[in-house]
Protein backbone atom coordinates (compact mmCIF):
# COMPACT_ATOMS: atom_id res chain seq x y z
CA MET A 1 -58.07 201.65 372.41
CA SER A 2 -57.96 205.14 373.90
CA ALA A 3 -59.88 208.16 372.69
CA ARG A 4 -56.60 209.71 371.59
CA SER A 5 -55.73 206.64 369.45
CA ILE A 6 -59.17 206.71 367.85
CA MET A 7 -58.84 210.43 367.13
CA MET A 8 -55.39 209.92 365.53
CA ALA A 9 -56.74 207.09 363.36
CA VAL A 10 -59.61 209.33 362.15
CA VAL A 11 -57.22 212.22 361.38
CA VAL A 12 -54.86 209.95 359.42
CA ALA A 13 -57.80 208.46 357.50
CA LEU A 14 -59.12 211.92 356.63
CA LEU A 15 -55.70 213.09 355.49
CA CYS A 16 -55.41 210.10 353.16
CA LEU A 17 -58.79 210.65 351.46
CA PRO A 18 -57.64 213.44 349.11
CA LEU A 19 -54.62 211.38 348.05
CA GLY A 20 -56.80 208.38 347.22
CA TYR A 21 -59.31 210.60 345.41
CA ALA A 22 -56.59 212.21 343.29
CA THR A 23 -55.14 208.82 342.40
CA SER A 24 -58.50 207.44 341.32
CA ARG A 25 -59.21 210.57 339.27
CA GLY A 26 -55.82 210.26 337.58
CA GLU A 27 -56.52 206.67 336.64
CA SER A 28 -59.91 207.51 335.18
CA SER A 29 -58.38 210.44 333.29
CA ASN A 30 -55.71 208.12 331.88
CA ALA A 31 -58.36 205.55 330.97
CA LYS A 32 -60.39 208.24 329.22
CA ALA A 33 -57.35 209.45 327.27
CA LEU A 34 -56.48 205.88 326.28
CA ARG A 35 -60.06 205.18 325.18
CA GLU A 36 -60.10 208.40 323.12
CA HIS A 37 -56.78 207.41 321.50
CA TYR A 38 -58.18 204.01 320.45
CA ASP A 39 -61.49 205.57 319.31
CA LEU A 40 -59.51 208.05 317.20
CA GLN A 41 -57.41 205.24 315.69
CA ASP A 42 -60.58 203.29 314.90
CA GLY A 43 -62.11 206.45 313.41
CA LYS A 44 -59.07 206.88 311.18
CA ARG A 45 -59.28 203.25 310.05
CA LEU A 46 -62.99 203.59 309.26
CA TYR A 47 -62.46 206.95 307.52
CA GLU A 48 -59.81 205.37 305.30
CA GLN A 49 -62.14 202.47 304.50
CA TYR A 50 -65.37 204.39 303.89
CA CYS A 51 -64.64 208.12 303.38
CA ARG A 52 -61.16 208.63 301.94
CA PHE A 53 -62.10 207.63 298.40
CA CYS A 54 -64.29 210.74 298.00
CA HIS A 55 -63.09 213.13 300.70
CA GLY A 56 -59.37 212.42 300.30
CA GLU A 57 -56.57 211.55 302.69
CA GLN A 58 -56.67 214.99 304.33
CA GLY A 59 -60.45 215.43 304.10
CA LYS A 60 -60.25 218.28 301.58
CA GLY A 61 -62.92 216.76 299.29
CA LYS A 62 -60.87 216.71 296.10
CA ALA A 63 -60.31 213.00 295.75
CA TYR A 64 -63.25 212.09 293.54
CA ASP A 65 -64.52 214.09 290.56
CA VAL A 66 -68.28 214.45 290.98
CA THR A 67 -70.71 217.36 290.85
CA PRO A 68 -71.20 218.77 293.39
CA PRO A 69 -67.75 217.93 294.74
CA PRO A 70 -67.42 216.08 298.04
CA ALA A 71 -67.38 218.35 301.07
CA ASP A 72 -64.11 219.69 302.43
CA LEU A 73 -64.36 218.18 305.90
CA THR A 74 -61.74 220.60 307.22
CA SER A 75 -63.69 223.69 306.16
CA ALA A 76 -65.31 226.03 308.66
CA ALA A 77 -68.72 225.29 307.11
CA VAL A 78 -68.40 221.60 307.98
CA GLN A 79 -66.55 221.98 311.28
CA GLN A 80 -69.15 224.45 312.58
CA LYS A 81 -71.91 221.89 312.19
CA SER A 82 -72.97 220.12 315.36
CA ASP A 83 -71.96 216.54 316.09
CA ALA A 84 -75.60 215.56 315.63
CA GLU A 85 -75.75 217.16 312.17
CA LEU A 86 -72.56 215.49 310.98
CA THR A 87 -73.56 212.12 312.41
CA GLN A 88 -76.92 212.46 310.65
CA THR A 89 -75.14 213.15 307.35
CA ILE A 90 -72.97 210.06 307.79
CA HIS A 91 -76.07 208.05 308.70
CA GLU A 92 -78.49 209.28 306.02
CA GLY A 93 -76.23 210.72 303.32
CA GLU A 94 -76.77 214.08 301.64
CA ARG A 95 -79.54 214.59 299.07
CA GLY A 96 -78.39 215.90 295.70
CA THR A 97 -74.81 214.75 296.22
CA ALA A 98 -72.78 211.56 295.84
CA MET A 99 -72.77 211.21 299.66
CA GLY A 100 -74.66 208.01 300.30
CA SER A 101 -76.08 206.62 303.49
CA TRP A 102 -73.87 204.50 305.71
CA LYS A 103 -76.63 203.49 308.13
CA TRP A 104 -76.49 199.86 307.06
CA GLU A 105 -72.69 199.61 307.24
CA LEU A 106 -71.67 201.59 310.32
CA SER A 107 -72.69 201.16 313.95
CA GLU A 108 -73.41 204.16 316.15
CA LYS A 109 -69.96 203.71 317.73
CA ASP A 110 -68.35 203.59 314.27
CA LYS A 111 -70.06 206.85 313.31
CA GLN A 112 -68.93 208.51 316.55
CA ASN A 113 -65.34 207.38 315.94
CA ILE A 114 -65.40 208.69 312.36
CA LEU A 115 -66.80 211.97 313.67
CA LEU A 116 -63.96 212.16 316.21
CA TYR A 117 -61.47 211.67 313.36
CA ILE A 118 -63.20 214.27 311.13
CA ARG A 119 -62.97 216.79 313.96
CA ARG A 120 -59.25 216.00 314.27
CA LEU A 121 -58.66 216.55 310.51
CA ALA A 122 -59.27 220.28 310.90
CA ARG A 123 -56.52 220.71 313.53
């Protein structure tokens, strides 16, 4: 193999690297979008099973008549809370309210998926 042939092979290989990189990034981006879609669907299912009774179909907090009323999950006050704060509320409940703890029922992944769905309710 001549030096020229080797040089051409190296040039072709280098030119193909960005194409391969872009393809692999596109696949991981698609995989991430697909995973988020399924996490959101699971979050919706879990929300309907555990949260809808009190917070309502749309998350407005008017589904169950208690004092104080359930939080409006679409409100700025709730949506401005950090993910950690909201996950903690799902986990531990909220003192002085009807919001009970779900730490024995929901896994960490379940809580994250519900949180993803709660964030989507405000859009």
